[in-house]
Amino acid sequence: MKVTPEIICHEFIGMEAKVDKSTNVECAGSWGKIIDETRNTFIILDKGRRKIVAKSSSVFYFAFSDGTVVEVDGKLVTGRPEDRLKKNIRRLW
């Protein structure tokens, strides 16, 4: 997969994700499948337990189906999934 700034418009439900950094120490290091998403949180199924992770205070690694792993700051994906599609994305590189 080609990594572009449009990655933040991607659908994240069903993807594997790792919480790299978080202000909530219980969530930091969690790894699992994203089972739901709200405007401000991801719900991750980690070892059979549901963890609610705030987007704005976390850094995530997302694993795509082709093996690509991308690091994304949670502040970039804050907002409803349907609103992220309408967002204007400024190229950073």
C-alpha atoms as a PDB file:
ATOM      1  CA  MET A   1       0.000   0.000   0.000  1.00  0.00           C
ATOM      2  CA  LYS A   2       1.272   3.454  -0.851  1.00  0.00           C
ATOM      3  CA  VAL A   3       1.395   5.632   2.258  1.00  0.00           C
ATOM      4  CA  THR A   4      -0.123   9.051   1.593  1.00  0.00           C
ATOM      5  CA  PRO A   5      -1.800  11.689   3.770  1.00  0.00           C
ATOM      6  CA  GLU A   6      -5.163  10.294   2.621  1.00  0.00           C
ATOM      7  CA  ILE A   7      -4.541   7.384   5.003  1.00  0.00           C
ATOM      8  CA  ILE A   8      -6.474   9.259   7.686  1.00  0.00           C
ATOM      9  CA  CYS A   9      -9.633   8.991   5.540  1.00  0.00           C
ATOM     10  CA  HIS A  10      -9.424   5.199   5.637  1.00  0.00           C
ATOM     11  CA  GLU A  11     -12.014   3.046   7.423  1.00  0.00           C
ATOM     12  CA  PHE A  12     -10.409   1.766  10.629  1.00  0.00           C
ATOM     13  CA  ILE A  13     -13.077  -0.637  11.930  1.00  0.00           C
ATOM     14  CA  GLY A  14     -11.809  -4.185  11.517  1.00  0.00           C
ATOM     15  CA  MET A  15      -8.141  -3.210  11.311  1.00  0.00           C
ATOM     16  CA  GLU A  16      -5.381  -4.363  13.626  1.00  0.00           C
ATOM     17  CA  ALA A  17      -4.070  -1.502  15.742  1.00  0.00           C
ATOM     18  CA  LYS A  18      -1.491  -0.952  18.453  1.00  0.00           C
ATOM     19  CA  VAL A  19      -1.678   1.902  20.926  1.00  0.00           C
ATOM     20  CA  ASP A  20       1.914   3.084  21.055  1.00  0.00           C
ATOM     21  CA  LYS A  21       1.588   6.054  23.399  1.00  0.00           C
ATOM     22  CA  SER A  22      -1.344   7.158  25.488  1.00  0.00           C
ATOM     23  CA  THR A  23      -1.981   9.325  28.506  1.00  0.00           C
ATOM     24  CA  ASN A  24      -3.962   6.381  29.906  1.00  0.00           C
ATOM     25  CA  VAL A  25      -1.336   3.868  31.063  1.00  0.00           C
ATOM     26  CA  GLU A  26      -3.821   0.980  30.921  1.00  0.00           C
ATOM     27  CA  CYS A  27      -4.270   1.516  27.174  1.00  0.00           C
ATOM     28  CA  ALA A  28      -0.627   2.080  26.232  1.00  0.00           C
ATOM     29  CA  GLY A  29       0.741  -1.026  24.535  1.00  0.00           C
ATOM     30  CA  SER A  30      -2.679  -2.495  23.732  1.00  0.00           C
ATOM     31  CA  TRP A  31      -2.806  -4.486  20.496  1.00  0.00           C
ATOM     32  CA  GLY A  32      -5.935  -5.811  18.859  1.00  0.00           C
ATOM     33  CA  LYS A  33      -8.731  -5.339  16.367  1.00  0.00           C
ATOM     34  CA  ILE A  34     -10.740  -2.122  16.248  1.00  0.00           C
ATOM     35  CA  ILE A  35     -14.343  -3.165  16.738  1.00  0.00           C
ATOM     36  CA  ASP A  36     -16.008   0.244  16.938  1.00  0.00           C
ATOM     37  CA  GLU A  37     -15.250   3.928  16.536  1.00  0.00           C
ATOM     38  CA  THR A  38     -16.862   7.071  17.880  1.00  0.00           C
ATOM     39  CA  ARG A  39     -15.957  10.692  17.352  1.00  0.00           C
ATOM     40  CA  ASN A  40     -13.343  10.693  20.117  1.00  0.00           C
ATOM     41  CA  THR A  41     -12.549   7.025  20.815  1.00  0.00           C
ATOM     42  CA  PHE A  42     -11.592   3.682  19.330  1.00  0.00           C
ATOM     43  CA  ILE A  43     -12.865   0.500  20.957  1.00  0.00           C
ATOM     44  CA  ILE A  44     -10.164  -2.169  20.647  1.00  0.00           C
ATOM     45  CA  LEU A  45     -10.632  -5.879  21.355  1.00  0.00           C
ATOM     46  CA  ASP A  46      -7.400  -6.795  23.170  1.00  0.00           C
ATOM     47  CA  LYS A  47      -7.085 -10.406  24.381  1.00  0.00           C
ATOM     48  CA  GLY A  48     -10.858 -10.766  24.647  1.00  0.00           C
ATOM     49  CA  ARG A  49     -11.303  -7.519  26.575  1.00  0.00           C
ATOM     50  CA  ARG A  50     -12.756  -4.301  25.175  1.00  0.00           C
ATOM     51  CA  LYS A  51     -10.585  -1.232  25.724  1.00  0.00           C
ATOM     52  CA  ILE A  52     -11.810   2.266  25.039  1.00  0.00           C
ATOM     53  CA  VAL A  53      -8.932   4.452  23.858  1.00  0.00           C
ATOM     54  CA  ALA A  54      -9.137   8.224  23.444  1.00  0.00           C
ATOM     55  CA  LYS A  55      -7.957   9.271  19.984  1.00  0.00           C
ATOM     56  CA  SER A  56      -6.683  12.758  20.783  1.00  0.00           C
ATOM     57  CA  SER A  57      -4.217  11.680  23.472  1.00  0.00           C
ATOM     58  CA  SER A  58      -2.780   8.605  21.744  1.00  0.00           C
ATOM     59  CA  VAL A  59      -0.468   7.513  18.949  1.00  0.00           C
ATOM     60  CA  PHE A  60      -1.517   4.437  16.959  1.00  0.00           C
ATOM     61  CA  TYR A  61       0.135   1.910  14.658  1.00  0.00           C
ATOM     62  CA  PHE A  62      -2.294   0.540  12.067  1.00  0.00           C
ATOM     63  CA  ALA A  63      -1.549  -2.716  10.226  1.00  0.00           C
ATOM     64  CA  PHE A  64      -3.087  -2.955   6.768  1.00  0.00           C
ATOM     65  CA  SER A  65      -3.954  -6.209   4.992  1.00  0.00           C
ATOM     66  CA  ASP A  66      -0.860  -6.072   2.755  1.00  0.00           C
ATOM     67  CA  GLY A  67       1.478  -5.904   5.762  1.00  0.00           C
ATOM     68  CA  THR A  68       2.043  -2.145   5.744  1.00  0.00           C
ATOM     69  CA  VAL A  69       2.259  -0.618   9.222  1.00  0.00           C
ATOM     70  CA  VAL A  70       1.622   3.111   9.590  1.00  0.00           C
ATOM     71  CA  GLU A  71       2.049   5.346  12.632  1.00  0.00           C
ATOM     72  CA  VAL A  72      -0.744   7.913  13.008  1.00  0.00           C
ATOM     73  CA  ASP A  73      -1.216  10.604  15.632  1.00  0.00           C
ATOM     74  CA  GLY A  74      -4.695  10.258  17.106  1.00  0.00           C
ATOM     75  CA  LYS A  75      -5.356  13.985  16.746  1.00  0.00           C
ATOM     76  CA  LEU A  76      -5.455  13.506  12.966  1.00  0.00           C
ATOM     77  CA  VAL A  77      -8.228  10.892  13.130  1.00  0.00           C
ATOM     78  CA  THR A  78     -10.363  12.642  15.751  1.00  0.00           C
ATOM     79  CA  GLY A  79     -13.861  13.110  14.401  1.00  0.00           C
ATOM     80  CA  ARG A  80     -16.629  10.949  13.046  1.00  0.00           C
ATOM     81  CA  PRO A  81     -15.565   8.528  10.304  1.00  0.00           C
ATOM     82  CA  GLU A  82     -18.040   9.983   7.825  1.00  0.00           C
ATOM     83  CA  ASP A  83     -16.723  13.503   8.449  1.00  0.00           C
ATOM     84  CA  ARG A  84     -13.098  12.463   7.881  1.00  0.00           C
ATOM     85  CA  LEU A  85     -13.955  11.687   4.256  1.00  0.00           C
ATOM     86  CA  LYS A  86     -14.920  15.333   3.692  1.00  0.00           C
ATOM     87  CA  LYS A  87     -11.788  16.730   5.349  1.00  0.00           C
ATOM     88  CA  ASN A  88      -9.320  18.656   3.189  1.00  0.00           C
ATOM     89  CA  ILE A  89      -5.915  17.075   3.609  1.00  0.00           C
ATOM     90  CA  ARG A  90      -2.810  19.174   3.283  1.00  0.00           C
ATOM     91  CA  ARG A  91       0.191  17.336   1.927  1.00  0.00           C
ATOM     92  CA  LEU A  92       3.064  17.438   4.394  1.00  0.00           C
ATOM     93  CA  TRP A  93       5.700  16.037   2.016  1.00  0.00           C
END
